[in-house]
PDB file of N, CA and C in Angstrom:
ATOM      1  N   MET A   1     -12.562  11.205   7.298  1.00  0.00           N
ATOM      2  CA  MET A   1     -11.455  10.991   5.992  1.00  0.00           C
ATOM      3  C   MET A   1     -10.513  10.454   7.097  1.00  0.00           C
ATOM      4  N   ALA A   2      -9.513   9.529   7.413  1.00  0.00           N
ATOM      5  CA  ALA A   2      -9.357   9.070   7.781  1.00  0.00           C
ATOM      6  C   ALA A   2      -6.963   8.891   7.303  1.00  0.00           C
ATOM      7  N   VAL A   3      -6.203   9.219   8.292  1.00  0.00           N
ATOM      8  CA  VAL A   3      -4.912   9.518   8.077  1.00  0.00           C
ATOM      9  C   VAL A   3      -4.346   8.595   8.816  1.00  0.00           C
ATOM     10  N   PHE A   4      -3.827   7.539   8.283  1.00  0.00           N
ATOM     11  CA  PHE A   4      -3.034   6.604   8.770  1.00  0.00           C
ATOM     12  C   PHE A   4      -1.063   6.993   9.344  1.00  0.00           C
ATOM     13  N   GLY A   5      -0.574   6.896  10.472  1.00  0.00           N
ATOM     14  CA  GLY A   5       0.815   6.935  10.889  1.00  0.00           C
ATOM     15  C   GLY A   5       1.533   5.587  10.966  1.00  0.00           C
ATOM     16  N   GLY A   6       2.595   5.981  11.180  1.00  0.00           N
ATOM     17  CA  GLY A   6       3.598   5.046  11.590  1.00  0.00           C
ATOM     18  C   GLY A   6       3.504   3.338  10.128  1.00  0.00           C
ATOM     19  N   LEU A   7       3.012   3.966   9.183  1.00  0.00           N
ATOM     20  CA  LEU A   7       2.734   2.833   8.494  1.00  0.00           C
ATOM     21  C   LEU A   7       4.535   2.413   7.646  1.00  0.00           C
ATOM     22  N   ILE A   8       4.675   1.354   6.892  1.00  0.00           N
ATOM     23  CA  ILE A   8       6.638   0.578   7.090  1.00  0.00           C
ATOM     24  C   ILE A   8       6.929   0.089   5.345  1.00  0.00           C
ATOM     25  N   LEU A   9       8.019   1.210   5.029  1.00  0.00           N
ATOM     26  CA  LEU A   9       8.106   0.532   4.046  1.00  0.00           C
ATOM     27  C   LEU A   9       9.096  -0.491   3.995  1.00  0.00           C
ATOM     28  N   THR A  10       8.330  -1.786   3.093  1.00  0.00           N
ATOM     29  CA  THR A  10       9.293  -3.286   2.847  1.00  0.00           C
ATOM     30  C   THR A  10      10.402  -2.605   1.388  1.00  0.00           C
ATOM     31  N   ASN A  11      10.994  -3.288   2.098  1.00  0.00           N
ATOM     32  CA  ASN A  11      12.419  -3.766   1.258  1.00  0.00           C
ATOM     33  C   ASN A  11      12.025  -3.265  -0.430  1.00  0.00           C
ATOM     34  N   GLY A  12      10.790  -3.954  -0.797  1.00  0.00           N
ATOM     35  CA  GLY A  12      10.249  -4.133  -2.146  1.00  0.00           C
ATOM     36  C   GLY A  12       9.967  -2.374  -2.416  1.00  0.00           C
ATOM     37  N   GLY A  13       9.590  -1.849  -1.107  1.00  0.00           N
ATOM     38  CA  GLY A  13       9.465  -0.710  -1.317  1.00  0.00           C
ATOM     39  C   GLY A  13      10.501   0.316  -1.487  1.00  0.00           C
ATOM     40  N   LYS A  14      11.409   0.099  -0.677  1.00  0.00           N
ATOM     41  CA  LYS A  14      12.772   1.398  -0.719  1.00  0.00           C
ATOM     42  C   LYS A  14      13.588   0.252  -1.952  1.00  0.00           C
ATOM     43  N   ASN A  15      13.364  -0.648  -2.762  1.00  0.00           N
ATOM     44  CA  ASN A  15      14.119  -0.587  -4.476  1.00  0.00           C
ATOM     45  C   ASN A  15      13.194   0.646  -5.277  1.00  0.00           C
ATOM     46  N   LEU A  16      12.447   0.497  -4.705  1.00  0.00           N
ATOM     47  CA  LEU A  16      10.964   1.295  -6.007  1.00  0.00           C
ATOM     48  C   LEU A  16      11.288   2.739  -5.879  1.00  0.00           C
ATOM     49  N   LEU A  17      11.874   3.001  -4.130  1.00  0.00           N
ATOM     50  CA  LEU A  17      11.408   4.403  -4.546  1.00  0.00           C
ATOM     51  C   LEU A  17      12.461   4.777  -4.328  1.00  0.00           C
ATOM     52  N   ALA A  18      13.376   3.715  -4.202  1.00  0.00           N
ATOM     53  CA  ALA A  18      15.606   4.573  -4.651  1.00  0.00           C
ATOM     54  C   ALA A  18      15.041   4.383  -6.881  1.00  0.00           C
ATOM     55  N   LYS A  19      14.728   3.497  -6.966  1.00  0.00           N
ATOM     56  CA  LYS A  19      14.737   3.529  -8.842  1.00  0.00           C
ATOM     57  C   LYS A  19      13.495   5.526  -8.844  1.00  0.00           C
ATOM     58  N   MET A  20      12.570   5.752  -8.106  1.00  0.00           N
ATOM     59  CA  MET A  20      11.702   6.859  -8.369  1.00  0.00           C
ATOM     60  C   MET A  20      13.086   8.376  -8.149  1.00  0.00           C
ATOM     61  N   GLN A  21      14.484   8.004  -7.126  1.00  0.00           N
ATOM     62  CA  GLN A  21      14.598   9.127  -6.638  1.00  0.00           C
ATOM     63  C   GLN A  21      16.346   9.430  -8.444  1.00  0.00           C
ATOM     64  N   MET A  22      15.865   7.692  -8.790  1.00  0.00           N
ATOM     65  CA  MET A  22      16.988   8.022 -10.641  1.00  0.00           C
ATOM     66  C   MET A  22      16.347   8.281 -11.589  1.00  0.00           C
ATOM     67  N   GLY A  23      14.834   9.264 -11.139  1.00  0.00           N
ATOM     68  CA  GLY A  23      14.365   9.419 -13.037  1.00  0.00           C
ATOM     69  C   GLY A  23      13.095   8.732 -13.349  1.00  0.00           C
ATOM     70  N   LYS A  24      12.618   7.126 -12.937  1.00  0.00           N
ATOM     71  CA  LYS A  24      11.512   6.495 -12.989  1.00  0.00           C
ATOM     72  C   LYS A  24      10.034   7.612 -12.247  1.00  0.00           C
ATOM     73  N   THR A  25       8.549   7.237 -12.488  1.00  0.00           N
ATOM     74  CA  THR A  25       7.951   7.738 -12.360  1.00  0.00           C
ATOM     75  C   THR A  25       7.364   5.767 -11.351  1.00  0.00           C
ATOM     76  N   LEU A  26       6.271   6.153 -10.841  1.00  0.00           N
ATOM     77  CA  LEU A  26       5.519   4.987  -9.678  1.00  0.00           C
ATOM     78  C   LEU A  26       4.163   5.630 -10.325  1.00  0.00           C
ATOM     79  N   LYS A  27       3.311   5.038 -11.382  1.00  0.00           N
ATOM     80  CA  LYS A  27       1.825   5.038 -10.163  1.00  0.00           C
ATOM     81  C   LYS A  27       1.408   4.150  -9.641  1.00  0.00           C
ATOM     82  N   PHE A  28       0.425   5.071  -9.308  1.00  0.00           N
ATOM     83  CA  PHE A  28      -0.699   4.213  -7.587  1.00  0.00           C
ATOM     84  C   PHE A  28      -1.986   3.852  -9.153  1.00  0.00           C
ATOM     85  N   LYS A  29      -2.301   2.523  -8.107  1.00  0.00           N
ATOM     86  CA  LYS A  29      -3.436   1.660  -8.932  1.00  0.00           C
ATOM     87  C   LYS A  29      -4.238   1.567  -7.842  1.00  0.00           C
ATOM     88  N   LYS A  30      -3.942   1.387  -6.884  1.00  0.00           N
ATOM     89  CA  LYS A  30      -5.288   0.388  -5.846  1.00  0.00           C
ATOM     90  C   LYS A  30      -3.891   0.425  -4.697  1.00  0.00           C
ATOM     91  N   VAL A  31      -5.052   0.069  -3.368  1.00  0.00           N
ATOM     92  CA  VAL A  31      -4.196  -0.318  -2.011  1.00  0.00           C
ATOM     93  C   VAL A  31      -5.761  -1.822  -1.869  1.00  0.00           C
ATOM     94  N   LEU A  32      -4.641  -2.139  -1.953  1.00  0.00           N
ATOM     95  CA  LEU A  32      -5.384  -3.544  -1.145  1.00  0.00           C
ATOM     96  C   LEU A  32      -4.893  -3.845   0.575  1.00  0.00           C
ATOM     97  N   LEU A  33      -6.408  -4.138   0.986  1.00  0.00           N
ATOM     98  CA  LEU A  33      -5.985  -4.711   2.567  1.00  0.00           C
ATOM     99  C   LEU A  33      -6.386  -5.582   2.733  1.00  0.00           C
ATOM    100  N   GLY A  34      -6.160  -5.915   4.078  1.00  0.00           N
ATOM    101  CA  GLY A  34      -6.036  -7.558   4.726  1.00  0.00           C
ATOM    102  C   GLY A  34      -6.099  -7.739   5.850  1.00  0.00           C
ATOM    103  N   ASP A  35      -6.832  -8.939   6.222  1.00  0.00           N
ATOM    104  CA  ASP A  35      -5.814  -9.309   7.574  1.00  0.00           C
ATOM    105  C   ASP A  35      -5.523 -10.122   8.342  1.00  0.00           C
ATOM    106  N   GLY A  36      -4.524 -10.305   7.714  1.00  0.00           N
ATOM    107  CA  GLY A  36      -3.283 -10.994   8.420  1.00  0.00           C
ATOM    108  C   GLY A  36      -2.430 -10.556   9.073  1.00  0.00           C
ATOM    109  N   GLU A  37      -2.227 -11.813  10.297  1.00  0.00           N
ATOM    110  CA  GLU A  37      -1.077 -11.494  11.295  1.00  0.00           C
ATOM    111  C   GLU A  37       0.263 -12.174  10.886  1.00  0.00           C
ATOM    112  N   LEU A  38       1.768 -11.190  11.408  1.00  0.00           N
ATOM    113  CA  LEU A  38       2.347 -11.460  11.186  1.00  0.00           C
ATOM    114  C   LEU A  38       2.696 -13.407  12.516  1.00  0.00           C
ATOM    115  N   GLY A  39       3.681 -13.584  11.960  1.00  0.00           N
ATOM    116  CA  GLY A  39       4.130 -14.799  13.106  1.00  0.00           C
ATOM    117  C   GLY A  39       5.497 -14.223  13.248  1.00  0.00           C
ATOM    118  N   SER A  40       5.482 -15.202  14.665  1.00  0.00           N
ATOM    119  CA  SER A  40       6.621 -14.499  15.355  1.00  0.00           C
ATOM    120  C   SER A  40       8.118 -14.412  14.540  1.00  0.00           C
ATOM    121  N   SER A  41       7.939 -14.668  13.674  1.00  0.00           N
ATOM    122  CA  SER A  41      10.018 -15.137  13.591  1.00  0.00           C
ATOM    123  C   SER A  41       9.253 -14.383  11.694  1.00  0.00           C
ATOM    124  N   GLU A  42       8.666 -13.259  11.661  1.00  0.00           N
ATOM    125  CA  GLU A  42       8.494 -13.337   9.924  1.00  0.00           C
ATOM    126  C   GLU A  42       8.571 -11.842  10.312  1.00  0.00           C
ATOM    127  N   SER A  43       8.791 -10.772   9.250  1.00  0.00           N
ATOM    128  CA  SER A  43       9.650  -9.541   9.033  1.00  0.00           C
ATOM    129  C   SER A  43       9.037  -8.589   8.239  1.00  0.00           C
ATOM    130  N   GLU A  44       7.864  -7.346   8.788  1.00  0.00           N
ATOM    131  CA  GLU A  44       7.294  -7.053   7.880  1.00  0.00           C
ATOM    132  C   GLU A  44       7.900  -6.604   6.988  1.00  0.00           C
ATOM    133  N   ILE A  45       9.160  -5.963   6.838  1.00  0.00           N
ATOM    134  CA  ILE A  45      10.352  -5.533   6.027  1.00  0.00           C
ATOM    135  C   ILE A  45      10.608  -6.075   4.986  1.00  0.00           C
ATOM    136  N   ALA A  46      10.097  -7.519   5.296  1.00  0.00           N
ATOM    137  CA  ALA A  46      10.613  -8.512   4.132  1.00  0.00           C
ATOM    138  C   ALA A  46       9.235  -8.581   2.927  1.00  0.00           C
ATOM    139  N   MET A  47       8.561  -8.156   3.637  1.00  0.00           N
ATOM    140  CA  MET A  47       7.304  -8.727   2.843  1.00  0.00           C
ATOM    141  C   MET A  47       6.968  -8.394   1.570  1.00  0.00           C
ATOM    142  N   THR A  48       6.404  -9.542   0.716  1.00  0.00           N
ATOM    143  CA  THR A  48       6.203  -9.446  -0.722  1.00  0.00           C
ATOM    144  C   THR A  48       4.789  -9.212  -0.932  1.00  0.00           C
ATOM    145  N   GLN A  49       3.930  -9.444  -0.505  1.00  0.00           N
ATOM    146  CA  GLN A  49       2.493  -9.431  -0.500  1.00  0.00           C
ATOM    147  C   GLN A  49       1.570 -10.146   1.194  1.00  0.00           C
ATOM    148  N   LEU A  50       0.902  -9.344   0.862  1.00  0.00           N
ATOM    149  CA  LEU A  50      -0.654  -9.499   1.945  1.00  0.00           C
ATOM    150  C   LEU A  50      -0.521 -10.345   2.601  1.00  0.00           C
ATOM    151  N   LYS A  51      -0.722 -10.467   3.794  1.00  0.00           N
ATOM    152  CA  LYS A  51      -0.442 -12.928   4.087  1.00  0.00           C
ATOM    153  C   LYS A  51      -1.995 -12.462   3.770  1.00  0.00           C
ATOM    154  N   ASN A  52      -3.458 -12.353   3.855  1.00  0.00           N
ATOM    155  CA  ASN A  52      -4.051 -12.095   3.699  1.00  0.00           C
ATOM    156  C   ASN A  52      -5.230 -11.255   3.260  1.00  0.00           C
ATOM    157  N   GLN A  53      -5.225 -11.032   2.108  1.00  0.00           N
ATOM    158  CA  GLN A  53      -6.068 -10.068   1.439  1.00  0.00           C
ATOM    159  C   GLN A  53      -7.009 -10.137   1.187  1.00  0.00           C
ATOM    160  N   VAL A  54      -7.790  -9.228   1.934  1.00  0.00           N
ATOM    161  CA  VAL A  54      -9.456  -9.256   1.690  1.00  0.00           C
ATOM    162  C   VAL A  54      -9.676  -8.104   0.945  1.00  0.00           C
ATOM    163  N   LEU A  55      -9.875  -7.365   0.339  1.00  0.00           N
ATOM    164  CA  LEU A  55      -9.643  -5.813  -0.280  1.00  0.00           C
ATOM    165  C   LEU A  55      -9.412  -5.015  -1.458  1.00  0.00           C
ATOM    166  N   SER A  56      -9.652  -5.130  -2.184  1.00  0.00           N
ATOM    167  CA  SER A  56      -8.693  -3.590  -2.603  1.00  0.00           C
ATOM    168  C   SER A  56      -9.809  -2.819  -3.292  1.00  0.00           C
ATOM    169  N   CYS A  57      -9.794  -1.877  -3.193  1.00  0.00           N
ATOM    170  CA  CYS A  57      -9.919  -0.182  -3.570  1.00  0.00           C
ATOM    171  C   CYS A  57      -8.833   0.157  -4.698  1.00  0.00           C
ATOM    172  N   ASP A  58      -9.806   0.874  -5.702  1.00  0.00           N
ATOM    173  CA  ASP A  58      -9.035   1.973  -6.936  1.00  0.00           C
ATOM    174  C   ASP A  58      -8.744   2.896  -6.291  1.00  0.00           C
ATOM    175  N   ILE A  59      -7.123   3.696  -6.869  1.00  0.00           N
ATOM    176  CA  ILE A  59      -7.108   4.623  -6.003  1.00  0.00           C
ATOM    177  C   ILE A  59      -7.592   6.113  -7.056  1.00  0.00           C
ATOM    178  N   VAL A  60      -8.602   7.259  -6.579  1.00  0.00           N
ATOM    179  CA  VAL A  60      -9.328   8.048  -7.181  1.00  0.00           C
ATOM    180  C   VAL A  60      -8.292   9.357  -6.902  1.00  0.00           C
ATOM    181  N   ASN A  61      -7.592   9.013  -6.203  1.00  0.00           N
ATOM    182  CA  ASN A  61      -6.009  10.785  -5.990  1.00  0.00           C
ATOM    183  C   ASN A  61      -5.006  10.568  -5.663  1.00  0.00           C
ATOM    184  N   TYR A  62      -4.137  11.330  -5.730  1.00  0.00           N
ATOM    185  CA  TYR A  62      -3.015  11.089  -4.922  1.00  0.00           C
ATOM    186  C   TYR A  62      -2.036  12.122  -5.142  1.00  0.00           C
ATOM    187  N   GLN A  63      -1.316  12.752  -3.965  1.00  0.00           N
ATOM    188  CA  GLN A  63      -1.280  13.724  -4.318  1.00  0.00           C
ATOM    189  C   GLN A  63       1.082  13.853  -4.041  1.00  0.00           C
ATOM    190  N   LYS A  64       1.775  14.709  -4.077  1.00  0.00           N
ATOM    191  CA  LYS A  64       2.732  15.023  -4.216  1.00  0.00           C
ATOM    192  C   LYS A  64       3.051  15.765  -3.248  1.00  0.00           C
ATOM    193  N   LEU A  65       3.444  15.424  -1.613  1.00  0.00           N
ATOM    194  CA  LEU A  65       3.277  16.595  -0.541  1.00  0.00           C
ATOM    195  C   LEU A  65       4.905  16.908  -0.587  1.00  0.00           C
ATOM    196  N   GLN A  66       5.089  17.596   0.281  1.00  0.00           N
ATOM    197  CA  GLN A  66       6.512  17.938   0.333  1.00  0.00           C
ATOM    198  C   GLN A  66       7.616  16.720   1.325  1.00  0.00           C
ATOM    199  N   ASN A  67       8.845  17.270   1.119  1.00  0.00           N
ATOM    200  CA  ASN A  67       9.623  15.596   1.557  1.00  0.00           C
ATOM    201  C   ASN A  67       9.544  14.297   1.951  1.00  0.00           C
ATOM    202  N   GLY A  68       8.688  13.637   0.128  1.00  0.00           N
ATOM    203  CA  GLY A  68       8.422  12.469  -0.123  1.00  0.00           C
ATOM    204  C   GLY A  68       7.210  12.434   0.492  1.00  0.00           C
ATOM    205  N   ILE A  69       6.467  12.993   0.838  1.00  0.00           N
ATOM    206  CA  ILE A  69       5.782  12.057   1.905  1.00  0.00           C
ATOM    207  C   ILE A  69       4.168  12.141   0.436  1.00  0.00           C
ATOM    208  N   VAL A  70       3.242  11.060  -0.346  1.00  0.00           N
ATOM    209  CA  VAL A  70       2.256  10.722  -0.854  1.00  0.00           C
ATOM    210  C   VAL A  70       1.256  10.884  -0.014  1.00  0.00           C
ATOM    211  N   LYS A  71       0.357  11.829  -0.374  1.00  0.00           N
ATOM    212  CA  LYS A  71      -1.144  11.524  -0.131  1.00  0.00           C
ATOM    213  C   LYS A  71      -2.311  10.520  -1.514  1.00  0.00           C
ATOM    214  N   LEU A  72      -2.520   9.420  -1.017  1.00  0.00           N
ATOM    215  CA  LEU A  72      -2.981   8.424  -1.394  1.00  0.00           C
ATOM    216  C   LEU A  72      -4.662   8.907  -0.696  1.00  0.00           C
ATOM    217  N   THR A  73      -5.789   9.013  -1.908  1.00  0.00           N
ATOM    218  CA  THR A  73      -7.277   8.830  -2.060  1.00  0.00           C
ATOM    219  C   THR A  73      -7.579   7.765  -2.328  1.00  0.00           C
ATOM    220  N   PHE A  74      -8.290   6.845  -1.429  1.00  0.00           N
ATOM    221  CA  PHE A  74      -9.294   5.915  -2.420  1.00  0.00           C
ATOM    222  C   PHE A  74     -10.230   5.586  -1.408  1.00  0.00           C
ATOM    223  N   ILE A  75     -11.312   4.652  -2.111  1.00  0.00           N
ATOM    224  CA  ILE A  75     -12.478   4.254  -1.585  1.00  0.00           C
ATOM    225  C   ILE A  75     -12.721   3.413  -1.065  1.00  0.00           C
ATOM    226  N   LEU A  76     -13.266   3.403   0.211  1.00  0.00           N
ATOM    227  CA  LEU A  76     -13.396   1.878   0.941  1.00  0.00           C
ATOM    228  C   LEU A  76     -14.436   1.382   1.066  1.00  0.00           C
ATOM    229  N   ASN A  77     -15.821   0.508   0.384  1.00  0.00           N
ATOM    230  CA  ASN A  77     -16.229   0.437  -0.158  1.00  0.00           C
ATOM    231  C   ASN A  77     -16.729  -1.566   0.663  1.00  0.00           C
ATOM    232  N   ASN A  78     -17.339  -1.611   1.302  1.00  0.00           N
ATOM    233  CA  ASN A  78     -17.689  -3.173   1.711  1.00  0.00           C
ATOM    234  C   ASN A  78     -18.695  -3.791   1.486  1.00  0.00           C
ATOM    235  N   GLN A  79     -19.269  -2.881  -0.116  1.00  0.00           N
ATOM    236  CA  GLN A  79     -20.571  -3.887  -0.276  1.00  0.00           C
ATOM    237  C   GLN A  79     -20.082  -5.450  -0.803  1.00  0.00           C
ATOM    238  N   LYS A  80     -18.677  -5.460  -1.363  1.00  0.00           N
ATOM    239  CA  LYS A  80     -19.104  -7.527  -1.485  1.00  0.00           C
ATOM    240  C   LYS A  80     -18.692  -8.155  -0.206  1.00  0.00           C
ATOM    241  N   LEU A  81     -18.223  -7.430   0.468  1.00  0.00           N
ATOM    242  CA  LEU A  81     -17.885  -7.987   1.701  1.00  0.00           C
ATOM    243  C   LEU A  81     -18.551  -9.355   2.735  1.00  0.00           C
ATOM    244  N   GLU A  82     -18.360 -10.491   2.820  1.00  0.00           N
ATOM    245  CA  GLU A  82     -19.559 -11.049   3.737  1.00  0.00           C
ATOM    246  C   GLU A  82     -19.855 -11.191   5.092  1.00  0.00           C
ATOM    247  N   THR A  83     -18.557 -11.341   5.326  1.00  0.00           N
ATOM    248  CA  THR A  83     -18.078 -10.610   6.703  1.00  0.00           C
ATOM    249  C   THR A  83     -17.614  -9.643   7.283  1.00  0.00           C
ATOM    250  N   GLY A  84     -17.093  -9.099   8.446  1.00  0.00           N
ATOM    251  CA  GLY A  84     -16.462  -8.016   8.653  1.00  0.00           C
ATOM    252  C   GLY A  84     -14.860  -8.393   9.366  1.00  0.00           C
ATOM    253  N   PHE A  85     -13.872  -7.605   9.317  1.00  0.00           N
ATOM    254  CA  PHE A  85     -12.851  -8.295   8.919  1.00  0.00           C
ATOM    255  C   PHE A  85     -11.694  -7.395  10.158  1.00  0.00           C
ATOM    256  N   LEU A  86     -11.059  -7.595  10.448  1.00  0.00           N
ATOM    257  CA  LEU A  86     -10.088  -6.688  11.341  1.00  0.00           C
ATOM    258  C   LEU A  86      -8.861  -5.863  10.205  1.00  0.00           C
ATOM    259  N   TRP A  87      -8.739  -5.187  10.047  1.00  0.00           N
ATOM    260  CA  TRP A  87      -7.856  -4.846   9.087  1.00  0.00           C
ATOM    261  C   TRP A  87      -6.677  -4.259   9.859  1.00  0.00           C
ATOM    262  N   ARG A  88      -5.446  -5.765   9.006  1.00  0.00           N
ATOM    263  CA  ARG A  88      -4.539  -4.773   9.872  1.00  0.00           C
ATOM    264  C   ARG A  88      -2.899  -4.554   8.940  1.00  0.00           C
ATOM    265  N   GLU A  89      -3.519  -4.965   7.924  1.00  0.00           N
ATOM    266  CA  GLU A  89      -2.926  -4.984   6.759  1.00  0.00           C
ATOM    267  C   GLU A  89      -2.615  -3.982   5.344  1.00  0.00           C
ATOM    268  N   MET A  90      -2.194  -2.861   5.084  1.00  0.00           N
ATOM    269  CA  MET A  90      -2.502  -2.327   3.344  1.00  0.00           C
ATOM    270  C   MET A  90      -0.745  -1.932   2.878  1.00  0.00           C
ATOM    271  N   ARG A  91      -1.579  -2.271   1.697  1.00  0.00           N
ATOM    272  CA  ARG A  91      -0.837  -2.488   0.231  1.00  0.00           C
ATOM    273  C   ARG A  91      -0.423  -1.470  -0.965  1.00  0.00           C
ATOM    274  N   SER A  92       0.459  -0.479  -1.059  1.00  0.00           N
ATOM    275  CA  SER A  92      -0.572  -0.148  -2.013  1.00  0.00           C
ATOM    276  C   SER A  92      -0.356  -1.056  -3.224  1.00  0.00           C
ATOM    277  N   TYR A  93      -0.586  -0.940  -4.051  1.00  0.00           N
ATOM    278  CA  TYR A  93      -0.158  -1.434  -5.656  1.00  0.00           C
ATOM    279  C   TYR A  93       0.266  -0.368  -6.745  1.00  0.00           C
ATOM    280  N   SER A  94       1.174  -0.581  -7.725  1.00  0.00           N
ATOM    281  CA  SER A  94       1.157   0.409  -8.846  1.00  0.00           C
ATOM    282  C   SER A  94       2.214  -0.135  -9.909  1.00  0.00           C
ATOM    283  N   ARG A  95       2.159   1.162 -11.034  1.00  0.00           N
ATOM    284  CA  ARG A  95       2.641   0.685 -11.890  1.00  0.00           C
ATOM    285  C   ARG A  95       3.666   1.284 -12.492  1.00  0.00           C
ATOM    286  N   ARG A  96       4.921   1.034 -12.413  1.00  0.00           N
ATOM    287  CA  ARG A  96       5.815   1.888 -12.630  1.00  0.00           C
ATOM    288  C   ARG A  96       6.544   1.940 -14.565  1.00  0.00           C
ATOM    289  N   SER A  97       6.600   3.201 -14.900  1.00  0.00           N
ATOM    290  CA  SER A  97       6.923   3.021 -16.019  1.00  0.00           C
ATOM    291  C   SER A  97       8.191   3.629 -16.409  1.00  0.00           C
ATOM    292  N   ARG A  98       8.985   3.075 -17.574  1.00  0.00           N
ATOM    293  CA  ARG A  98      10.037   3.449 -18.212  1.00  0.00           C
ATOM    294  C   ARG A  98      10.648   4.671 -18.471  1.00  0.00           C
ATOM    295  N   GLN A  99      10.613   5.747 -18.176  1.00  0.00           N
ATOM    296  CA  GLN A  99      11.052   6.941 -18.514  1.00  0.00           C
ATOM    297  C   GLN A  99      12.538   7.577 -18.479  1.00  0.00           C
TER     298      GLN A  99
END
């Protein structure tokens, strides 16, 4: 099992977090993986989508841990890949409910 540290919450992610703190719920659906690279004048915090999506993985489980940490479990399957890629970017895809 891989554990990823140093992930960055984008401005869009911060907005979703604020809505969750006001009582909205968020259901994680997929993890998107890509191999895009930022240009020198681009900011990862301002990104709204992956630069170059390569794979989409369904989330099989997620848990709320302590201090606002969420553990996402997904299965990375490379059967549909024709060529390998250097995994540089990741995004979780979610659906927000209107509670």
